[in-house]
Structure formats: C-alpha cells, structure tokens
C-alpha cells in the first residue's frame, strides 16, 4: 500500500506486509502512547478491521482487532484498557471516511488465511527491557531474564517482609496477571509453572498484598503507562522461555530472594534501614525472636 493515514493521536503507515503505527506525544495524547512510541503490526497478526462512527461528532474510527495471542500488550491488558488508550484505534475526521474505507478494504484483503484463528505465538514485539516501575508496596524491575521485587517498608505487608525481596527467572513462570491500577485491587502477579520454585508456591490462594510473587497498585502507584508495558514484556519473555527444572532440596530450602547471595550486594545504609524495620516488626509482635534473628543474619550476610 505504501501510504500514510494520519489521525488524532497517531498515524498509520501501510507497508507491503505490516502497518507501522506512530503515536504522537501531544499534551492530550494518552501517556501509554508516549511510552509505546511506535509499533509495527504484521498483517498476519490481525483478525479483522472495522470502521464505525466516532464517539465525538464529526469523527470516524478505524480499528484493527489483533488475533488472540498475537500481541503481548493486548494479552496482558485483557480488555482492561479504556477505549481512548486502545493502540489499535485510529480516530479520523469524518471527511476522510471514503479514504478510510479504501484502506479498510485494502487491509481486509491483506489478512492471512488464519486471521480468525488464535496466533501460534506472539507476532507483535513487546516493549524492550530493562523496565521498572514503582508499585504501592515495592519496586519492580525486569532485565529481560529475571523479574525482581524490592519491598518498600512503608507499604509492604509483614508477609512480604518475612519472605524478603524476590527474584524470579522467567523460566519459573507460566503467566503474568495484570489488573489495572485504575480498578479496585489492581496488581501485577506472577503465576508459577507447576514445577517452579517453592518461593512462588508458598502462598497459594492468598490475597495479592500477602503474596511475595506480586506487587499491588494504589493511587499514583503502578500507573497504566508504566505497569502495562512491563507486564507485556515479562509475558513475552515467559512465552519464549524454557521451563526451569524442578529445584533440588537445597535450593528449595532457600528460595530465590530469601537468603544471602540471592540478589546483588546492597548498600549498607539500605541494610541498616531494613534491620531497623525488622526491629519494629519484632517489637510489634509480628516476628518471633527466631524469625527476627534469622532475617537479621540474612541481611547482614548481604553486606
């Protein structure tokens, strides 16, 4: 096709086998679009194309619908994005309806023979790591191979403090659960494989604020434009990763993130702050003498 269709907040450049969606960085453009920048969508990743009247008078909307499982961002979002934040939605002035109708016809003819079927794998690239964001109870990092959660003493539950900071290889994971920070009990939760680390299986069925394999969102924490690309990148890596074999007894006794050497050496000031907080938990009766002594020893061993 080789042409560009410019709309409100984005423009679509049509190629021989894909459409390049470029997002504007205007003041009124959704912040998610700022983060995404641009995305190349192969035609084989699409299931159908729609053209409908826009929500505002004098506009029309051209919307592409990806195949199930083709885009890790859409898979992670799981229908929770607001309509205005849909990256597959192009809003156009109504006077461009004939031109839009032409491109809709062209796109429909370019769809693959399996357009109605789920994609065998992700066909759209995920956001590139490294990625990081702040949730309410901790900071999440992803370097492409591991997801790590570092707890905030001001927000993390005592259960997470007892478990310690966590690091999970993508091969230990089966799925990623993202619940938008714009809804009640928003969170990002890692779902383990059946034979994965006991650290991930330690709290089956518990609430996310008590689960060391999750971070919870709150007002101003874990914003959509920060947390969703993170979730999509982790999900894409999980789908491509080789499963980690079941851990031996010695490893199971010291799950990831719970003992010396589980993470990089830390700043002594950070260790001192964590020991102080452990002392507060101990004085409040949330930690036994044995638990306090053991965790303090673990922290000192990280120096």
C-alpha atoms as a PDB file:
ATOM      1  CA  UNK A   1       0.000   0.000   0.000  1.00  0.00           C
ATOM      2  CA  UNK A   2       2.783   2.408   0.926  1.00  0.00           C
ATOM      3  CA  UNK A   3       0.711   5.372   2.181  1.00  0.00           C
ATOM      4  CA  UNK A   4       0.167   7.165   5.488  1.00  0.00           C
ATOM      5  CA  UNK A   5      -3.201   7.805   7.112  1.00  0.00           C
ATOM      6  CA  UNK A   6      -2.870  10.492   9.800  1.00  0.00           C
ATOM      7  CA  UNK A   7      -5.415  10.652  12.576  1.00  0.00           C
ATOM      8  CA  UNK A   8      -5.857  12.080  16.053  1.00  0.00           C
ATOM      9  CA  UNK A   9      -3.010  10.974  18.394  1.00  0.00           C
ATOM     10  CA  UNK A  10      -1.495   8.557  15.837  1.00  0.00           C
ATOM     11  CA  UNK A  11      -0.798   7.847  12.180  1.00  0.00           C
ATOM     12  CA  UNK A  12      -0.709   4.562  10.293  1.00  0.00           C
ATOM     13  CA  UNK A  13       1.877   3.893   7.596  1.00  0.00           C
ATOM     14  CA  UNK A  14       0.901   0.944   5.422  1.00  0.00           C
ATOM     15  CA  UNK A  15       3.614  -1.326   4.039  1.00  0.00           C
ATOM     16  CA  UNK A  16       3.584  -4.485   1.973  1.00  0.00           C
ATOM     17  CA  UNK A  17       3.314  -6.840   4.959  1.00  0.00           C
ATOM     18  CA  UNK A  18       2.671  -4.651   8.002  1.00  0.00           C
ATOM     19  CA  UNK A  19       1.350  -1.345   9.289  1.00  0.00           C
ATOM     20  CA  UNK A  20       3.613   0.971  11.285  1.00  0.00           C
ATOM     21  CA  UNK A  21       1.649   2.845  13.941  1.00  0.00           C
ATOM     22  CA  UNK A  22       3.335   6.029  15.147  1.00  0.00           C
ATOM     23  CA  UNK A  23       1.914   7.680  18.252  1.00  0.00           C
ATOM     24  CA  UNK A  24       2.025  11.409  18.892  1.00  0.00           C
ATOM     25  CA  UNK A  25       3.463  12.857  22.075  1.00  0.00           C
ATOM     26  CA  UNK A  26       0.996  15.699  22.490  1.00  0.00           C
ATOM     27  CA  UNK A  27      -0.331  17.010  25.791  1.00  0.00           C
ATOM     28  CA  UNK A  28      -3.696  15.309  25.264  1.00  0.00           C
ATOM     29  CA  UNK A  29      -2.260  12.067  23.925  1.00  0.00           C
ATOM     30  CA  UNK A  30      -2.604   9.131  26.366  1.00  0.00           C
ATOM     31  CA  UNK A  31       0.652   8.555  28.237  1.00  0.00           C
ATOM     32  CA  UNK A  32       0.618   4.913  27.170  1.00  0.00           C
ATOM     33  CA  UNK A  33       1.068   6.104  23.587  1.00  0.00           C
ATOM     34  CA  UNK A  34       4.059   8.212  24.670  1.00  0.00           C
ATOM     35  CA  UNK A  35       5.698   5.101  26.098  1.00  0.00           C
ATOM     36  CA  UNK A  36       4.905   2.895  23.099  1.00  0.00           C
ATOM     37  CA  UNK A  37       6.301   5.427  20.621  1.00  0.00           C
ATOM     38  CA  UNK A  38       5.675   3.319  17.553  1.00  0.00           C
ATOM     39  CA  UNK A  39       4.677  -0.276  16.878  1.00  0.00           C
ATOM     40  CA  UNK A  40       4.947  -2.395  13.747  1.00  0.00           C
ATOM     41  CA  UNK A  41       1.963  -4.695  13.363  1.00  0.00           C
ATOM     42  CA  UNK A  42       2.282  -7.521  10.798  1.00  0.00           C
ATOM     43  CA  UNK A  43      -0.915  -8.082   8.847  1.00  0.00           C
ATOM     44  CA  UNK A  44      -0.771 -11.733   9.895  1.00  0.00           C
ATOM     45  CA  UNK A  45      -1.280 -10.538  13.500  1.00  0.00           C
ATOM     46  CA  UNK A  46      -4.704  -9.070  12.685  1.00  0.00           C
ATOM     47  CA  UNK A  47      -8.063 -10.813  12.751  1.00  0.00           C
ATOM     48  CA  UNK A  48     -10.339  -8.093  11.342  1.00  0.00           C
ATOM     49  CA  UNK A  49     -10.703  -4.375  10.523  1.00  0.00           C
ATOM     50  CA  UNK A  50     -13.655  -2.210  11.489  1.00  0.00           C
ATOM     51  CA  UNK A  51     -14.873   1.267  10.524  1.00  0.00           C
ATOM     52  CA  UNK A  52     -17.501   2.985  12.670  1.00  0.00           C
ATOM     53  CA  UNK A  53     -18.724   6.452  13.708  1.00  0.00           C
ATOM     54  CA  UNK A  54     -16.531   8.112  16.321  1.00  0.00           C
ATOM     55  CA  UNK A  55     -17.565   8.951  19.842  1.00  0.00           C
ATOM     56  CA  UNK A  56     -17.211  12.647  19.082  1.00  0.00           C
ATOM     57  CA  UNK A  57     -19.295  14.402  16.469  1.00  0.00           C
ATOM     58  CA  UNK A  58     -17.534  14.742  13.143  1.00  0.00           C
ATOM     59  CA  UNK A  59     -15.186  11.778  13.636  1.00  0.00           C
ATOM     60  CA  UNK A  60     -14.935   8.193  12.475  1.00  0.00           C
ATOM     61  CA  UNK A  61     -12.880   5.350  13.930  1.00  0.00           C
ATOM     62  CA  UNK A  62     -10.860   2.751  12.073  1.00  0.00           C
ATOM     63  CA  UNK A  63      -9.945  -0.074  14.390  1.00  0.00           C
ATOM     64  CA  UNK A  64      -7.846  -3.156  13.819  1.00  0.00           C
ATOM     65  CA  UNK A  65      -8.500  -6.177  16.013  1.00  0.00           C
ATOM     66  CA  UNK A  66      -5.489  -8.397  16.719  1.00  0.00           C
ATOM     67  CA  UNK A  67      -5.697 -12.169  16.711  1.00  0.00           C
ATOM     68  CA  UNK A  68      -5.899 -13.777  20.131  1.00  0.00           C
ATOM     69  CA  UNK A  69      -2.371 -14.271  21.456  1.00  0.00           C
ATOM     70  CA  UNK A  70      -0.702 -12.180  18.743  1.00  0.00           C
ATOM     71  CA  UNK A  71       0.194  -9.123  20.835  1.00  0.00           C
ATOM     72  CA  UNK A  72       1.597  -9.479  24.383  1.00  0.00           C
ATOM     73  CA  UNK A  73       0.423  -5.953  25.253  1.00  0.00           C
ATOM     74  CA  UNK A  74      -3.190  -6.755  24.362  1.00  0.00           C
ATOM     75  CA  UNK A  75      -2.948 -10.160  26.031  1.00  0.00           C
ATOM     76  CA  UNK A  76      -1.646  -8.629  29.263  1.00  0.00           C
ATOM     77  CA  UNK A  77      -4.267  -5.861  29.183  1.00  0.00           C
ATOM     78  CA  UNK A  78      -7.022  -8.493  28.860  1.00  0.00           C
ATOM     79  CA  UNK A  79      -9.691  -5.992  27.825  1.00  0.00           C
ATOM     80  CA  UNK A  80      -8.990  -3.534  30.666  1.00  0.00           C
ATOM     81  CA  UNK A  81      -7.766  -0.588  28.595  1.00  0.00           C
ATOM     82  CA  UNK A  82     -10.016   2.408  28.154  1.00  0.00           C
ATOM     83  CA  UNK A  83     -11.209   2.919  24.601  1.00  0.00           C
ATOM     84  CA  UNK A  84      -9.125   6.074  24.232  1.00  0.00           C
ATOM     85  CA  UNK A  85      -5.976   4.109  25.117  1.00  0.00           C
ATOM     86  CA  UNK A  86      -6.545   1.355  22.546  1.00  0.00           C
ATOM     87  CA  UNK A  87      -3.363   1.333  20.406  1.00  0.00           C
ATOM     88  CA  UNK A  88      -5.277  -0.292  17.521  1.00  0.00           C
ATOM     89  CA  UNK A  89      -7.790   2.545  17.259  1.00  0.00           C
ATOM     90  CA  UNK A  90      -7.317   5.390  14.750  1.00  0.00           C
ATOM     91  CA  UNK A  91      -9.646   8.386  15.105  1.00  0.00           C
ATOM     92  CA  UNK A  92     -10.149  10.381  11.905  1.00  0.00           C
ATOM     93  CA  UNK A  93     -12.159  13.426  10.777  1.00  0.00           C
ATOM     94  CA  UNK A  94     -15.437  12.314   9.194  1.00  0.00           C
ATOM     95  CA  UNK A  95     -14.471  13.877   5.846  1.00  0.00           C
ATOM     96  CA  UNK A  96     -11.827  11.150   5.465  1.00  0.00           C
ATOM     97  CA  UNK A  97     -14.393   8.373   5.536  1.00  0.00           C
ATOM     98  CA  UNK A  98     -14.007   7.452   1.857  1.00  0.00           C
ATOM     99  CA  UNK A  99     -10.225   7.284   2.218  1.00  0.00           C
ATOM    100  CA  UNK A 100     -10.544   5.251   5.415  1.00  0.00           C
ATOM    101  CA  UNK A 101     -12.984   2.892   3.704  1.00  0.00           C
ATOM    102  CA  UNK A 102     -10.412   2.318   0.971  1.00  0.00           C
ATOM    103  CA  UNK A 103      -7.736   1.352   3.494  1.00  0.00           C
ATOM    104  CA  UNK A 104     -10.155  -0.892   5.359  1.00  0.00           C
ATOM    105  CA  UNK A 105     -10.792  -2.794   2.110  1.00  0.00           C
ATOM    106  CA  UNK A 106      -7.063  -2.995   1.409  1.00  0.00           C
ATOM    107  CA  UNK A 107      -6.306  -4.266   4.901  1.00  0.00           C
ATOM    108  CA  UNK A 108      -9.025  -6.879   4.751  1.00  0.00           C
ATOM    109  CA  UNK A 109      -7.550  -8.231   1.536  1.00  0.00           C
ATOM    110  CA  UNK A 110      -4.125  -8.384   3.221  1.00  0.00           C
ATOM    111  CA  UNK A 111      -5.269 -10.505   6.173  1.00  0.00           C
ATOM    112  CA  UNK A 112      -3.841 -14.001   6.302  1.00  0.00           C
ATOM    113  CA  UNK A 113      -5.835 -17.205   5.806  1.00  0.00           C
ATOM    114  CA  UNK A 114      -5.698 -17.911   9.554  1.00  0.00           C
ATOM    115  CA  UNK A 115      -6.980 -14.487  10.631  1.00  0.00           C
ATOM    116  CA  UNK A 116      -9.907 -15.966  12.546  1.00  0.00           C
ATOM    117  CA  UNK A 117      -7.684 -18.395  14.470  1.00  0.00           C
ATOM    118  CA  UNK A 118      -5.595 -17.669  17.602  1.00  0.00           C
ATOM    119  CA  UNK A 119      -1.971 -16.854  16.796  1.00  0.00           C
ATOM    120  CA  UNK A 120       0.525 -19.694  17.419  1.00  0.00           C
ATOM    121  CA  UNK A 121       2.887 -17.218  19.103  1.00  0.00           C
ATOM    122  CA  UNK A 122       3.328 -13.508  19.709  1.00  0.00           C
ATOM    123  CA  UNK A 123       3.642 -11.773  16.348  1.00  0.00           C
ATOM    124  CA  UNK A 124       3.965  -8.207  17.650  1.00  0.00           C
ATOM    125  CA  UNK A 125       7.091  -7.136  19.516  1.00  0.00           C
ATOM    126  CA  UNK A 126       6.804  -6.406  23.239  1.00  0.00           C
ATOM    127  CA  UNK A 127       8.335  -3.296  24.855  1.00  0.00           C
ATOM    128  CA  UNK A 128      12.071  -3.741  25.290  1.00  0.00           C
ATOM    129  CA  UNK A 129      13.598  -4.300  28.755  1.00  0.00           C
ATOM    130  CA  UNK A 130      15.100  -3.148  31.023  1.00  0.00           C
ATOM    131  CA  UNK A 131      11.891  -1.878  32.549  1.00  0.00           C
ATOM    132  CA  UNK A 132      10.985  -0.695  36.018  1.00  0.00           C
ATOM    133  CA  UNK A 133       8.069   0.859  37.874  1.00  0.00           C
ATOM    134  CA  UNK A 134       7.030   1.679  41.421  1.00  0.00           C
ATOM    135  CA  UNK A 135       4.007  -0.079  42.875  1.00  0.00           C
ATOM    136  CA  UNK A 136       2.489   0.779  46.254  1.00  0.00           C
ATOM    137  CA  UNK A 137       4.363  -1.898  48.196  1.00  0.00           C
ATOM    138  CA  UNK A 138       7.542  -2.342  46.170  1.00  0.00           C
ATOM    139  CA  UNK A 139       9.632  -1.588  43.123  1.00  0.00           C
ATOM    140  CA  UNK A 140       9.520  -3.992  40.183  1.00  0.00           C
ATOM    141  CA  UNK A 141      12.405  -4.492  37.763  1.00  0.00           C
ATOM    142  CA  UNK A 142      12.756  -6.650  34.652  1.00  0.00           C
ATOM    143  CA  UNK A 143      16.078  -7.100  32.876  1.00  0.00           C
ATOM    144  CA  UNK A 144      14.877  -9.491  30.187  1.00  0.00           C
ATOM    145  CA  UNK A 145      15.689 -12.648  32.133  1.00  0.00           C
ATOM    146  CA  UNK A 146      14.550 -12.029  35.696  1.00  0.00           C
ATOM    147  CA  UNK A 147      11.783 -10.172  37.481  1.00  0.00           C
ATOM    148  CA  UNK A 148      12.680  -8.705  40.856  1.00  0.00           C
ATOM    149  CA  UNK A 149      10.535  -7.152  43.570  1.00  0.00           C
ATOM    150  CA  UNK A 150      12.111  -4.938  46.215  1.00  0.00           C
ATOM    151  CA  UNK A 151       9.720  -4.143  49.039  1.00  0.00           C
ATOM    152  CA  UNK A 152       9.028  -0.689  50.461  1.00  0.00           C
ATOM    153  CA  UNK A 153       8.916  -0.707  54.238  1.00  0.00           C
ATOM    154  CA  UNK A 154       6.166   1.911  54.118  1.00  0.00           C
ATOM    155  CA  UNK A 155       3.800  -0.250  52.056  1.00  0.00           C
ATOM    156  CA  UNK A 156       4.737  -3.931  52.064  1.00  0.00           C
ATOM    157  CA  UNK A 157       2.864  -6.377  54.266  1.00  0.00           C
ATOM    158  CA  UNK A 158       4.637  -8.277  57.043  1.00  0.00           C
ATOM    159  CA  UNK A 159       4.270 -11.464  54.966  1.00  0.00           C
ATOM    160  CA  UNK A 160       6.302  -9.906  52.154  1.00  0.00           C
ATOM    161  CA  UNK A 161       8.898  -8.590  54.578  1.00  0.00           C
ATOM    162  CA  UNK A 162       9.253 -12.075  56.059  1.00  0.00           C
ATOM    163  CA  UNK A 163       9.695 -13.547  52.584  1.00  0.00           C
ATOM    164  CA  UNK A 164      12.277 -10.892  51.668  1.00  0.00           C
ATOM    165  CA  UNK A 165      12.973  -9.249  48.327  1.00  0.00           C
ATOM    166  CA  UNK A 166      12.210 -11.605  45.460  1.00  0.00           C
ATOM    167  CA  UNK A 167      13.869 -12.505  42.162  1.00  0.00           C
ATOM    168  CA  UNK A 168      12.230 -14.861  39.666  1.00  0.00           C
ATOM    169  CA  UNK A 169      13.661 -16.261  36.434  1.00  0.00           C
ATOM    170  CA  UNK A 170      11.185 -16.072  33.563  1.00  0.00           C
ATOM    171  CA  UNK A 171      11.588 -19.834  33.133  1.00  0.00           C
ATOM    172  CA  UNK A 172       9.924 -20.299  36.534  1.00  0.00           C
ATOM    173  CA  UNK A 173       6.801 -18.548  35.340  1.00  0.00           C
ATOM    174  CA  UNK A 174       3.763 -19.702  33.399  1.00  0.00           C
ATOM    175  CA  UNK A 175       1.832 -16.464  33.138  1.00  0.00           C
ATOM    176  CA  UNK A 176       1.551 -12.837  34.236  1.00  0.00           C
ATOM    177  CA  UNK A 177      -1.635 -11.418  35.730  1.00  0.00           C
ATOM    178  CA  UNK A 178      -2.159  -7.668  35.371  1.00  0.00           C
ATOM    179  CA  UNK A 179      -5.107  -5.900  36.930  1.00  0.00           C
ATOM    180  CA  UNK A 180      -5.256  -2.236  36.023  1.00  0.00           C
ATOM    181  CA  UNK A 181      -4.314   0.277  38.739  1.00  0.00           C
ATOM    182  CA  UNK A 182      -7.479   2.098  37.711  1.00  0.00           C
ATOM    183  CA  UNK A 183      -9.643  -0.625  39.286  1.00  0.00           C
ATOM    184  CA  UNK A 184     -10.068  -1.919  42.829  1.00  0.00           C
ATOM    185  CA  UNK A 185      -7.274  -4.282  43.913  1.00  0.00           C
ATOM    186  CA  UNK A 186      -5.083  -3.536  40.904  1.00  0.00           C
ATOM    187  CA  UNK A 187      -1.875  -5.558  40.865  1.00  0.00           C
ATOM    188  CA  UNK A 188       0.782  -7.385  38.890  1.00  0.00           C
ATOM    189  CA  UNK A 189       1.086 -11.016  39.878  1.00  0.00           C
ATOM    190  CA  UNK A 190       3.473 -13.698  38.622  1.00  0.00           C
ATOM    191  CA  UNK A 191       1.917 -17.113  38.016  1.00  0.00           C
ATOM    192  CA  UNK A 192       4.290 -20.063  38.540  1.00  0.00           C
ATOM    193  CA  UNK A 193       4.780 -23.128  36.419  1.00  0.00           C
ATOM    194  CA  UNK A 194       3.730 -26.372  38.057  1.00  0.00           C
ATOM    195  CA  UNK A 195       7.307 -27.386  38.916  1.00  0.00           C
ATOM    196  CA  UNK A 196       8.578 -23.891  39.698  1.00  0.00           C
ATOM    197  CA  UNK A 197      10.250 -22.522  42.787  1.00  0.00           C
ATOM    198  CA  UNK A 198       8.635 -23.127  46.195  1.00  0.00           C
ATOM    199  CA  UNK A 199       9.019 -19.399  46.755  1.00  0.00           C
ATOM    200  CA  UNK A 200       6.294 -18.880  44.178  1.00  0.00           C
ATOM    201  CA  UNK A 201       4.074 -21.648  45.562  1.00  0.00           C
ATOM    202  CA  UNK A 202       4.453 -20.658  49.201  1.00  0.00           C
ATOM    203  CA  UNK A 203       1.222 -18.686  49.421  1.00  0.00           C
ATOM    204  CA  UNK A 204      -1.419 -20.401  47.243  1.00  0.00           C
ATOM    205  CA  UNK A 205      -4.723 -18.585  47.109  1.00  0.00           C
ATOM    206  CA  UNK A 206      -3.687 -15.686  49.335  1.00  0.00           C
ATOM    207  CA  UNK A 207      -4.512 -12.055  48.667  1.00  0.00           C
ATOM    208  CA  UNK A 208      -2.027 -10.211  46.461  1.00  0.00           C
ATOM    209  CA  UNK A 209      -0.924  -7.911  49.278  1.00  0.00           C
ATOM    210  CA  UNK A 210       0.335 -11.010  51.120  1.00  0.00           C
ATOM    211  CA  UNK A 211       1.815 -12.784  48.075  1.00  0.00           C
ATOM    212  CA  UNK A 212       5.571 -12.273  47.502  1.00  0.00           C
ATOM    213  CA  UNK A 213       5.052 -13.083  43.823  1.00  0.00           C
ATOM    214  CA  UNK A 214       3.001  -9.909  43.326  1.00  0.00           C
ATOM    215  CA  UNK A 215       3.065  -6.151  43.748  1.00  0.00           C
ATOM    216  CA  UNK A 216      -0.084  -4.150  44.435  1.00  0.00           C
ATOM    217  CA  UNK A 217      -1.047  -0.811  42.965  1.00  0.00           C
ATOM    218  CA  UNK A 218      -2.582   2.204  44.609  1.00  0.00           C
ATOM    219  CA  UNK A 219      -3.435   5.792  43.815  1.00  0.00           C
ATOM    220  CA  UNK A 220      -0.432   7.150  41.939  1.00  0.00           C
ATOM    221  CA  UNK A 221       1.447   3.827  42.035  1.00  0.00           C
ATOM    222  CA  UNK A 222       1.775   1.361  39.171  1.00  0.00           C
ATOM    223  CA  UNK A 223       0.292   3.673  36.544  1.00  0.00           C
ATOM    224  CA  UNK A 224      -1.053   2.032  33.381  1.00  0.00           C
ATOM    225  CA  UNK A 225       1.593   3.512  31.088  1.00  0.00           C
ATOM    226  CA  UNK A 226       4.337   2.168  33.384  1.00  0.00           C
ATOM    227  CA  UNK A 227       2.990  -1.167  34.561  1.00  0.00           C
ATOM    228  CA  UNK A 228       1.283  -2.498  31.414  1.00  0.00           C
ATOM    229  CA  UNK A 229       4.369  -2.353  29.126  1.00  0.00           C
ATOM    230  CA  UNK A 230       6.270  -4.031  31.985  1.00  0.00           C
ATOM    231  CA  UNK A 231       3.674  -6.822  32.197  1.00  0.00           C
ATOM    232  CA  UNK A 232       3.687  -7.259  28.416  1.00  0.00           C
ATOM    233  CA  UNK A 233       7.482  -7.538  28.261  1.00  0.00           C
ATOM    234  CA  UNK A 234       7.540 -10.145  31.043  1.00  0.00           C
ATOM    235  CA  UNK A 235       4.709 -12.089  29.403  1.00  0.00           C
ATOM    236  CA  UNK A 236       6.540 -12.160  26.057  1.00  0.00           C
ATOM    237  CA  UNK A 237       9.704 -13.428  27.752  1.00  0.00           C
ATOM    238  CA  UNK A 238       7.733 -16.078  29.653  1.00  0.00           C
ATOM    239  CA  UNK A 239       6.199 -17.385  26.428  1.00  0.00           C
ATOM    240  CA  UNK A 240       9.647 -17.726  24.855  1.00  0.00           C
ATOM    241  CA  UNK A 241      11.493 -19.122  27.881  1.00  0.00           C
ATOM    242  CA  UNK A 242      12.485 -22.702  28.512  1.00  0.00           C
ATOM    243  CA  UNK A 243      10.930 -24.003  31.748  1.00  0.00           C
ATOM    244  CA  UNK A 244      13.276 -24.103  34.731  1.00  0.00           C
ATOM    245  CA  UNK A 245      13.680 -27.680  36.064  1.00  0.00           C
ATOM    246  CA  UNK A 246      12.315 -28.549  39.495  1.00  0.00           C
ATOM    247  CA  UNK A 247      14.673 -27.350  42.240  1.00  0.00           C
ATOM    248  CA  UNK A 248      16.601 -29.716  44.444  1.00  0.00           C
ATOM    249  CA  UNK A 249      16.166 -29.899  48.217  1.00  0.00           C
ATOM    250  CA  UNK A 250      18.991 -27.461  48.981  1.00  0.00           C
ATOM    251  CA  UNK A 251      17.560 -24.873  46.616  1.00  0.00           C
ATOM    252  CA  UNK A 252      14.046 -25.373  47.929  1.00  0.00           C
ATOM    253  CA  UNK A 253      15.262 -24.649  51.452  1.00  0.00           C
ATOM    254  CA  UNK A 254      16.484 -21.240  50.269  1.00  0.00           C
ATOM    255  CA  UNK A 255      14.047 -19.959  47.642  1.00  0.00           C
ATOM    256  CA  UNK A 256      15.008 -17.023  45.426  1.00  0.00           C
ATOM    257  CA  UNK A 257      15.183 -13.728  47.249  1.00  0.00           C
ATOM    258  CA  UNK A 258      15.151 -15.270  50.736  1.00  0.00           C
ATOM    259  CA  UNK A 259      18.800 -15.762  51.593  1.00  0.00           C
ATOM    260  CA  UNK A 260      22.365 -14.494  51.260  1.00  0.00           C
ATOM    261  CA  UNK A 261      23.535 -14.045  47.697  1.00  0.00           C
ATOM    262  CA  UNK A 262      20.002 -14.046  46.300  1.00  0.00           C
ATOM    263  CA  UNK A 263      20.499 -10.537  44.959  1.00  0.00           C
ATOM    264  CA  UNK A 264      23.310  -8.085  44.336  1.00  0.00           C
ATOM    265  CA  UNK A 265      25.267  -6.765  47.315  1.00  0.00           C
ATOM    266  CA  UNK A 266      23.342  -3.921  48.886  1.00  0.00           C
ATOM    267  CA  UNK A 267      24.147  -0.514  50.228  1.00  0.00           C
ATOM    268  CA  UNK A 268      24.981  -0.764  53.982  1.00  0.00           C
ATOM    269  CA  UNK A 269      22.562   2.105  54.653  1.00  0.00           C
ATOM    270  CA  UNK A 270      19.794   0.119  52.989  1.00  0.00           C
ATOM    271  CA  UNK A 271      20.618  -2.944  55.104  1.00  0.00           C
ATOM    272  CA  UNK A 272      20.584  -0.816  58.273  1.00  0.00           C
ATOM    273  CA  UNK A 273      17.155   0.588  57.351  1.00  0.00           C
ATOM    274  CA  UNK A 274      15.774  -2.886  56.764  1.00  0.00           C
ATOM    275  CA  UNK A 275      17.133  -4.173  60.057  1.00  0.00           C
ATOM    276  CA  UNK A 276      15.538  -1.187  61.794  1.00  0.00           C
ATOM    277  CA  UNK A 277      12.210  -2.052  60.211  1.00  0.00           C
ATOM    278  CA  UNK A 278      12.592  -5.691  61.222  1.00  0.00           C
ATOM    279  CA  UNK A 279      13.110  -4.455  64.756  1.00  0.00           C
ATOM    280  CA  UNK A 280       9.832  -2.556  64.556  1.00  0.00           C
ATOM    281  CA  UNK A 281       8.024  -5.675  63.344  1.00  0.00           C
ATOM    282  CA  UNK A 282       9.646  -7.659  66.151  1.00  0.00           C
ATOM    283  CA  UNK A 283       8.603  -5.157  68.805  1.00  0.00           C
ATOM    284  CA  UNK A 284       5.067  -5.154  67.415  1.00  0.00           C
ATOM    285  CA  UNK A 285       4.906  -8.917  67.820  1.00  0.00           C
ATOM    286  CA  UNK A 286       4.750  -9.622  64.090  1.00  0.00           C
ATOM    287  CA  UNK A 287       8.075 -11.503  64.147  1.00  0.00           C
ATOM    288  CA  UNK A 288       9.221 -14.084  66.686  1.00  0.00           C
ATOM    289  CA  UNK A 289      12.682 -13.880  68.242  1.00  0.00           C
ATOM    290  CA  UNK A 290      13.839 -16.681  65.964  1.00  0.00           C
ATOM    291  CA  UNK A 291      12.406 -15.062  62.820  1.00  0.00           C
ATOM    292  CA  UNK A 292      13.954 -11.713  63.693  1.00  0.00           C
ATOM    293  CA  UNK A 293      17.389 -13.232  64.362  1.00  0.00           C
ATOM    294  CA  UNK A 294      17.325 -15.337  61.190  1.00  0.00           C
ATOM    295  CA  UNK A 295      16.251 -12.478  58.939  1.00  0.00           C
ATOM    296  CA  UNK A 296      18.740 -10.098  60.505  1.00  0.00           C
ATOM    297  CA  UNK A 297      21.510 -12.629  59.850  1.00  0.00           C
ATOM    298  CA  UNK A 298      20.402 -12.962  56.230  1.00  0.00           C
ATOM    299  CA  UNK A 299      20.549  -9.201  55.751  1.00  0.00           C
ATOM    300  CA  UNK A 300      23.962  -8.857  57.367  1.00  0.00           C
ATOM    301  CA  UNK A 301      25.256 -11.625  55.102  1.00  0.00           C
ATOM    302  CA  UNK A 302      24.358  -9.489  52.079  1.00  0.00           C
ATOM    303  CA  UNK A 303      26.887  -6.817  53.026  1.00  0.00           C
END
